[in-house]
C-alpha atoms as a PDB file:
ATOM      1  CA  MET A   1      13.691   3.093 145.959  1.00  0.00           C
ATOM      2  CA  ASN A   2      13.029   6.032 143.962  1.00  0.00           C
ATOM      3  CA  ARG A   3      14.927   7.426 141.038  1.00  0.00           C
ATOM      4  CA  THR A   4      17.473   9.485 142.962  1.00  0.00           C
ATOM      5  CA  GLU A   5      18.673   6.770 145.340  1.00  0.00           C
ATOM      6  CA  PHE A   6      18.958   4.483 142.509  1.00  0.00           C
ATOM      7  CA  ILE A   7      21.292   6.890 140.581  1.00  0.00           C
ATOM      8  CA  ILE A   8      23.302   7.439 143.828  1.00  0.00           C
ATOM      9  CA  ALA A   9      23.489   3.728 144.675  1.00  0.00           C
ATOM     10  CA  THR A  10      24.553   3.015 141.019  1.00  0.00           C
ATOM     11  CA  ALA A  11      27.146   5.788 141.166  1.00  0.00           C
ATOM     12  CA  ILE A  12      28.396   4.579 144.469  1.00  0.00           C
ATOM     13  CA  ILE A  13      28.885   0.976 143.067  1.00  0.00           C
ATOM     14  CA  LEU A  14      30.587   2.218 139.976  1.00  0.00           C
ATOM     15  CA  LEU A  15      32.830   4.327 142.053  1.00  0.00           C
ATOM     16  CA  LEU A  16      33.876   1.260 144.269  1.00  0.00           C
ATOM     17  CA  ALA A  17      34.298  -0.909 141.036  1.00  0.00           C
ATOM     18  CA  PHE A  18      36.784   1.934 139.634  1.00  0.00           C
ATOM     19  CA  ALA A  19      38.603   2.006 143.037  1.00  0.00           C
ATOM     20  CA  MET A  20      38.965  -1.618 143.209  1.00  0.00           C
ATOM     21  CA  GLY A  21      40.146  -1.974 139.534  1.00  0.00           C
ATOM     22  CA  TRP A  22      42.642   1.092 140.041  1.00  0.00           C
ATOM     23  CA  PHE A  23      43.937  -0.575 143.417  1.00  0.00           C
ATOM     24  CA  THR A  24      44.391  -3.987 141.838  1.00  0.00           C
ATOM     25  CA  TYR A  25      46.360  -2.432 138.905  1.00  0.00           C
ATOM     26  CA  TRP A  26      48.438  -0.365 141.303  1.00  0.00           C
ATOM     27  CA  LEU A  27      49.284  -3.678 143.217  1.00  0.00           C
ATOM     28  CA  LEU A  28      50.069  -5.570 140.045  1.00  0.00           C
ATOM     29  CA  HIS A  29      52.184  -2.716 138.827  1.00  0.00           C
ATOM     30  CA  ARG A  30      53.887  -2.372 142.036  1.00  0.00           C
ATOM     31  CA  PHE A  31      55.045  -6.166 142.244  1.00  0.00           C
ATOM     32  CA  THR A  32      55.540  -6.925 138.620  1.00  0.00           C
ATOM     33  CA  ARG A  33      57.625  -3.804 137.674  1.00  0.00           C
ATOM     34  CA  VAL A  34      61.325  -4.087 137.039  1.00  0.00           C
ATOM     35  CA  PRO A  35      63.396  -1.225 138.584  1.00  0.00           C
ATOM     36  CA  GLY A  36      65.688   0.497 136.344  1.00  0.00           C
ATOM     37  CA  GLY A  37      68.809  -0.850 137.880  1.00  0.00           C
ATOM     38  CA  ASP A  38      67.561  -4.329 137.316  1.00  0.00           C
ATOM     39  CA  MET A  39      66.947  -3.849 133.642  1.00  0.00           C
ATOM     40  CA  ALA A  40      70.874  -3.260 133.083  1.00  0.00           C
ATOM     41  CA  GLU A  41      71.433  -6.506 134.839  1.00  0.00           C
ATOM     42  CA  MET A  42      68.759  -8.146 132.797  1.00  0.00           C
ATOM     43  CA  ASP A  43      70.263  -7.020 129.671  1.00  0.00           C
ATOM     44  CA  GLN A  44      73.799  -8.216 130.798  1.00  0.00           C
ATOM     45  CA  LEU A  45      72.217 -11.679 131.759  1.00  0.00           C
ATOM     46  CA  ALA A  46      70.558 -11.904 128.377  1.00  0.00           C
ATOM     47  CA  GLN A  47      73.906 -10.878 126.657  1.00  0.00           C
ATOM     48  CA  SER A  48      75.590 -13.667 128.528  1.00  0.00           C
ATOM     49  CA  LEU A  49      72.968 -16.225 127.524  1.00  0.00           C
ATOM     50  CA  HIS A  50      73.328 -15.321 123.947  1.00  0.00           C
ATOM     51  CA  ASP A  51      77.223 -15.660 124.230  1.00  0.00           C
ATOM     52  CA  ALA A  52      76.919 -18.851 126.039  1.00  0.00           C
ATOM     53  CA  GLU A  53      74.563 -20.204 123.282  1.00  0.00           C
ATOM     54  CA  GLU A  54      76.951 -19.114 120.628  1.00  0.00           C
ATOM     55  CA  MET A  55      79.701 -20.826 122.433  1.00  0.00           C
ATOM     56  CA  ARG A  56      77.530 -24.005 122.662  1.00  0.00           C
ATOM     57  CA  ASP A  57      76.887 -23.918 118.937  1.00  0.00           C
ATOM     58  CA  GLN A  58      80.581 -23.549 118.117  1.00  0.00           C
ATOM     59  CA  ALA A  59      81.237 -26.383 120.577  1.00  0.00           C
ATOM     60  CA  ILE A  60      78.676 -28.724 118.894  1.00  0.00           C
ATOM     61  CA  VAL A  61      80.178 -27.915 115.434  1.00  0.00           C
ATOM     62  CA  TYR A  62      83.742 -28.495 116.526  1.00  0.00           C
ATOM     63  CA  LEU A  63      82.547 -31.953 118.187  1.00  0.00           C
ATOM     64  CA  GLU A  64      80.796 -32.997 115.112  1.00  0.00           C
ATOM     65  CA  THR A  65      83.759 -32.322 112.838  1.00  0.00           C
ATOM     66  CA  ARG A  66      86.039 -33.947 115.268  1.00  0.00           C
ATOM     67  CA  GLU A  67      83.977 -36.822 115.450  1.00  0.00           C
ATOM     68  CA  SER A  68      83.823 -37.236 111.662  1.00  0.00           C
ATOM     69  CA  GLU A  69      87.545 -36.743 111.493  1.00  0.00           C
ATOM     70  CA  LEU A  70      87.933 -39.618 113.977  1.00  0.00           C
ATOM     71  CA  LEU A  71      85.483 -41.935 112.366  1.00  0.00           C
ATOM     72  CA  ASN A  72      87.372 -41.409 109.133  1.00  0.00           C
ATOM     73  CA  GLN A  73      90.690 -42.104 110.913  1.00  0.00           C
ATOM     74  CA  ILE A  74      89.116 -45.356 112.376  1.00  0.00           C
ATOM     75  CA  ALA A  75      87.895 -46.539 109.116  1.00  0.00           C
ATOM     76  CA  GLN A  76      91.347 -45.933 107.467  1.00  0.00           C
ATOM     77  CA  THR A  77      93.056 -47.837 110.401  1.00  0.00           C
ATOM     78  CA  GLU A  78      90.613 -50.840 110.098  1.00  0.00           C
ATOM     79  CA  ALA A  79      91.370 -50.830 106.341  1.00  0.00           C
ATOM     80  CA  GLU A  80      95.169 -50.774 106.986  1.00  0.00           C
ATOM     81  CA  LEU A  81      94.473 -53.441 109.527  1.00  0.00           C
ATOM     82  CA  ARG A  82      92.510 -55.770 107.045  1.00  0.00           C
ATOM     83  CA  ALA A  83      95.377 -55.293 104.632  1.00  0.00           C
ATOM     84  CA  ALA A  84      98.017 -56.273 107.077  1.00  0.00           C
ATOM     85  CA  MET A  85      96.001 -59.303 108.113  1.00  0.00           C
ATOM     86  CA  GLU A  86      95.732 -60.315 104.579  1.00  0.00           C
ATOM     87  CA  GLY A  87      99.344 -59.845 104.012  1.00  0.00           C
ATOM     88  CA  LEU A  88      99.959 -61.820 106.971  1.00  0.00           C
ATOM     89  CA  ARG A  89      97.779 -64.669 105.888  1.00  0.00           C
ATOM     90  CA  ASP A  90      99.574 -64.615 102.531  1.00  0.00           C
ATOM     91  CA  ALA A  91     103.116 -64.774 104.207  1.00  0.00           C
ATOM     92  CA  ARG A  92     101.868 -67.664 106.541  1.00  0.00           C
ATOM     93  CA  HIS A  93     100.572 -69.454 103.323  1.00  0.00           C
ATOM     94  CA  GLU A  94     103.723 -68.915 101.450  1.00  0.00           C
ATOM     95  CA  ALA A  95     105.908 -69.949 104.455  1.00  0.00           C
ATOM     96  CA  GLU A  96     103.845 -73.103 104.638  1.00  0.00           C
ATOM     97  CA  GLU A  97     104.327 -73.952 101.103  1.00  0.00           C
ATOM     98  CA  MET A  98     108.164 -73.296 101.402  1.00  0.00           C
ATOM     99  CA  ARG A  99     108.179 -75.603 104.384  1.00  0.00           C
ATOM    100  CA  ALA A 100     106.296 -78.361 102.430  1.00  0.00           C
ATOM    101  CA  TYR A 101     108.849 -77.791  99.657  1.00  0.00           C
ATOM    102  CA  ILE A 102     111.714 -78.266 101.948  1.00  0.00           C
ATOM    103  CA  ASP A 103     110.212 -81.331 103.326  1.00  0.00           C
ATOM    104  CA  ARG A 104     109.718 -82.788 100.010  1.00  0.00           C
ATOM    105  CA  MET A 105     113.304 -82.002  99.001  1.00  0.00           C
ATOM    106  CA  HIS A 106     114.514 -83.649 102.163  1.00  0.00           C
ATOM    107  CA  THR A 107     112.496 -86.580 101.669  1.00  0.00           C
ATOM    108  CA  ALA A 108     113.463 -86.884  97.924  1.00  0.00           C
ATOM    109  CA  SER A 109     117.167 -86.871  98.489  1.00  0.00           C
END
């Protein structure tokens, strides 16, 4: 192979490499590009997703505050229940003392 044939072979190989690269780029661009009409839809979907995330965050905050309110209410109710149970216990003890006093008065008479 002389010098001219080598240059021609190298030029053909480089031309084929360039053509394959350009064709590959064209195929990738053809299949991965987003048409103009779809961009508006994608923007709308992105906005809808953003709105949904905001609503989710607001719902989480609402649920956390509601949960803390309910836990506070439960704690207050339990405290009232303990106080009522203690009052009932005191009333039963007092009633038992009264019965014992009445029994002692009847037996003493």
